[in-house]
Amino acid sequence: MTGPIINIAYTVDADRTVPLPSYETAGAAGADIRANFPKDQRDAGLSLFPGARVLVPTGLRLAIPAGYEVQIRPRSGLALKHGVTLANAPGTIDSDYRGALGVILLNSGDAAVQISHGDRIAQMVVAPVVMARFVVVETLDDTARGTGGFGSTGGHG
């Protein structure tokens, strides 16, 4: 399988021994990304308390080809076991962004969670982008749903 090439550069304070993003299985859609703390924070990591959110550094910068984005998504194991998710899931990294890649973790659980240097904290999915044109019109075409709001597509509950 071939796809776009994502060029990766390390940030100045990155630990280059932390593994790069990787697909952990042959059928994985997302590549795991890891916490990569500055030198003075590597031993302690951080405690993510219930209700708190924090920007966790990855030590990476990306060059994403035009026509693609990288989506940052939660890891299901962290979400299920600890309530750790992403505050802006999915996060979008645009093709013209060249700054440091950080992951906004949110603890929606009821206990503090330790995030250690090198921990897998999220996954990144590379996806094509379709850019639309936006046109103002006087009326819109009718559909079966019409103007029904949230929950108006049927079913119970």
Protein backbone atom coordinates (compact mmCIF):
# COMPACT_ATOMS: atom_id res chain seq x y z
CA MET A 1 0.00 0.00 0.00
CA THR A 2 1.31 3.41 -0.88
CA GLY A 3 0.09 6.78 0.20
CA PRO A 4 1.37 10.32 0.53
CA ILE A 5 4.74 10.95 2.13
CA ILE A 6 4.62 12.91 5.37
CA ASN A 7 7.99 14.52 6.04
CA ILE A 8 8.84 14.72 9.74
CA ALA A 9 11.28 17.03 11.51
CA TYR A 10 12.11 17.00 15.22
CA THR A 11 11.56 20.03 17.42
CA VAL A 12 14.67 21.49 19.06
CA ASP A 13 14.01 19.84 22.45
CA ALA A 14 12.79 16.46 21.13
CA ASP A 15 14.13 13.14 22.37
CA ARG A 16 15.04 11.39 19.11
CA THR A 17 14.91 7.97 20.77
CA VAL A 18 11.11 8.16 21.11
CA PRO A 19 9.61 6.09 18.28
CA LEU A 20 8.20 7.95 15.28
CA PRO A 21 4.49 7.60 14.41
CA SER A 22 3.82 4.02 13.42
CA TYR A 23 1.00 1.74 12.32
CA GLU A 24 0.92 -1.02 14.93
CA THR A 25 -0.90 -3.57 12.75
CA ALA A 26 -1.16 -4.19 9.01
CA GLY A 27 -4.80 -3.00 8.93
CA ALA A 28 -4.43 0.03 11.20
CA ALA A 29 -5.89 3.28 9.84
CA GLY A 30 -4.17 5.40 12.47
CA ALA A 31 -0.48 5.69 13.31
CA ASP A 32 0.23 5.91 17.04
CA ILE A 33 1.94 9.08 18.22
CA ARG A 34 3.77 9.46 21.51
CA ALA A 35 4.42 12.00 24.24
CA ASN A 36 7.85 13.55 23.83
CA PHE A 37 8.49 15.88 26.77
CA PRO A 38 11.27 18.47 27.06
CA LYS A 39 14.35 17.23 28.92
CA ASP A 40 13.34 18.80 32.26
CA GLN A 41 9.94 17.02 32.21
CA ARG A 42 10.95 13.57 30.90
CA ASP A 43 11.43 11.86 34.24
CA ALA A 44 8.22 13.17 35.84
CA GLY A 45 5.89 13.27 32.85
CA LEU A 46 2.62 14.80 33.98
CA SER A 47 -0.48 13.95 35.97
CA LEU A 48 -3.69 14.67 34.10
CA PHE A 49 -6.36 15.29 36.72
CA PRO A 50 -10.10 14.71 36.22
CA GLY A 51 -11.64 17.50 34.15
CA ALA A 52 -8.23 18.89 33.19
CA ARG A 53 -6.83 19.30 29.70
CA VAL A 54 -3.23 19.75 28.66
CA LEU A 55 -1.22 20.20 25.48
CA VAL A 56 1.19 17.27 25.30
CA PRO A 57 4.21 17.74 23.02
CA THR A 58 5.17 15.09 20.48
CA GLY A 59 8.58 16.49 19.56
CA LEU A 60 7.53 16.49 15.92
CA ARG A 61 6.75 18.87 13.09
CA LEU A 62 5.07 17.66 9.91
CA ALA A 63 5.05 18.63 6.24
CA ILE A 64 1.76 17.34 4.91
CA PRO A 65 1.32 17.40 1.12
CA ALA A 66 -1.25 19.77 -0.37
CA GLY A 67 -4.59 18.03 -0.76
CA TYR A 68 -4.23 16.12 2.55
CA GLU A 69 -4.71 16.69 6.25
CA VAL A 70 -3.67 14.77 9.34
CA GLN A 71 -6.46 14.04 11.79
CA ILE A 72 -5.47 13.52 15.43
CA ARG A 73 -7.82 11.09 17.14
CA PRO A 74 -8.14 9.55 20.60
CA ARG A 75 -6.80 6.11 21.39
CA SER A 76 -9.72 3.87 22.30
CA GLY A 77 -7.81 2.10 25.08
CA LEU A 78 -7.04 5.37 26.89
CA ALA A 79 -10.65 6.47 26.48
CA LEU A 80 -12.15 3.22 27.78
CA LYS A 81 -9.71 2.51 30.61
CA HIS A 82 -9.06 6.04 31.86
CA GLY A 83 -11.53 8.46 30.22
CA VAL A 84 -8.68 10.22 28.38
CA THR A 85 -9.77 11.67 25.07
CA LEU A 86 -9.01 14.70 22.92
CA ALA A 87 -10.62 18.03 23.68
CA ASN A 88 -10.94 18.78 19.95
CA ALA A 89 -11.45 15.31 18.49
CA PRO A 90 -10.58 14.98 15.79
CA GLY A 91 -7.90 17.62 15.68
CA THR A 92 -6.91 18.74 12.20
CA ILE A 93 -3.38 19.51 11.09
CA ASP A 94 -3.53 21.48 7.84
CA SER A 95 -1.08 20.99 4.99
CA ASP A 96 0.32 24.51 5.40
CA TYR A 97 1.08 24.21 9.16
CA ARG A 98 4.74 23.68 10.04
CA GLY A 99 4.75 24.25 13.79
CA ALA A 100 5.18 21.75 16.60
CA LEU A 101 2.59 18.98 16.81
CA GLY A 102 0.89 18.92 20.20
CA VAL A 103 -2.03 16.80 21.37
CA ILE A 104 -4.75 18.31 23.58
CA LEU A 105 -5.58 15.55 26.06
CA LEU A 106 -8.69 15.78 28.26
CA ASN A 107 -9.33 13.59 31.29
CA SER A 108 -13.07 12.93 31.39
CA GLY A 109 -12.58 10.15 33.94
CA ASP A 110 -12.75 10.25 37.72
CA ALA A 111 -9.07 9.66 38.59
CA ALA A 112 -5.76 11.28 37.71
CA VAL A 113 -3.88 9.63 34.84
CA GLN A 114 -0.09 9.64 34.56
CA ILE A 115 1.24 10.54 31.10
CA SER A 116 4.84 9.40 30.80
CA HIS A 117 7.55 10.26 28.31
CA GLY A 118 7.17 7.96 25.28
CA ASP A 119 3.56 6.92 26.04
CA ARG A 120 1.26 6.42 23.05
CA ILE A 121 -1.22 9.27 23.49
CA ALA A 122 -3.20 9.53 20.25
CA GLN A 123 -3.32 8.35 16.68
CA MET A 124 -2.97 10.23 13.43
CA VAL A 125 -4.95 9.48 10.30
CA VAL A 126 -3.87 10.91 6.95
CA ALA A 127 -6.91 11.88 4.88
CA PRO A 128 -7.58 13.58 1.56
CA VAL A 129 -9.17 17.02 1.65
CA VAL A 130 -11.87 18.20 -0.72
CA MET A 131 -12.26 21.97 -0.79
CA ALA A 132 -15.74 23.21 -1.56
CA ARG A 133 -16.97 26.41 -3.15
CA PHE A 134 -19.63 28.22 -1.14
CA VAL A 135 -22.43 29.85 -3.13
CA VAL A 136 -25.28 31.93 -1.73
CA VAL A 137 -28.68 31.05 -3.26
CA GLU A 138 -32.23 32.23 -2.59
CA THR A 139 -33.71 28.75 -1.96
CA LEU A 140 -32.48 25.24 -1.31
CA ASP A 141 -33.79 22.01 -2.81
CA ASP A 142 -36.32 20.03 -0.76
CA THR A 143 -35.46 16.71 0.91
CA ALA A 144 -37.45 14.11 2.84
CA ARG A 145 -35.95 15.35 6.11
CA GLY A 146 -36.49 19.00 5.31
CA THR A 147 -35.74 21.33 8.23
CA GLY A 148 -35.90 18.64 10.95
CA GLY A 149 -33.31 19.33 13.63
CA PHE A 150 -31.20 17.15 15.90
CA GLY A 151 -32.63 13.67 16.31
CA SER A 152 -35.16 14.13 13.53
CA THR A 153 -33.93 11.28 11.35
CA GLY A 154 -36.21 8.74 12.98
CA GLY A 155 -35.81 5.92 15.44
CA HIS A 156 -36.53 5.91 19.13
CA GLY A 157 -34.28 7.29 21.86
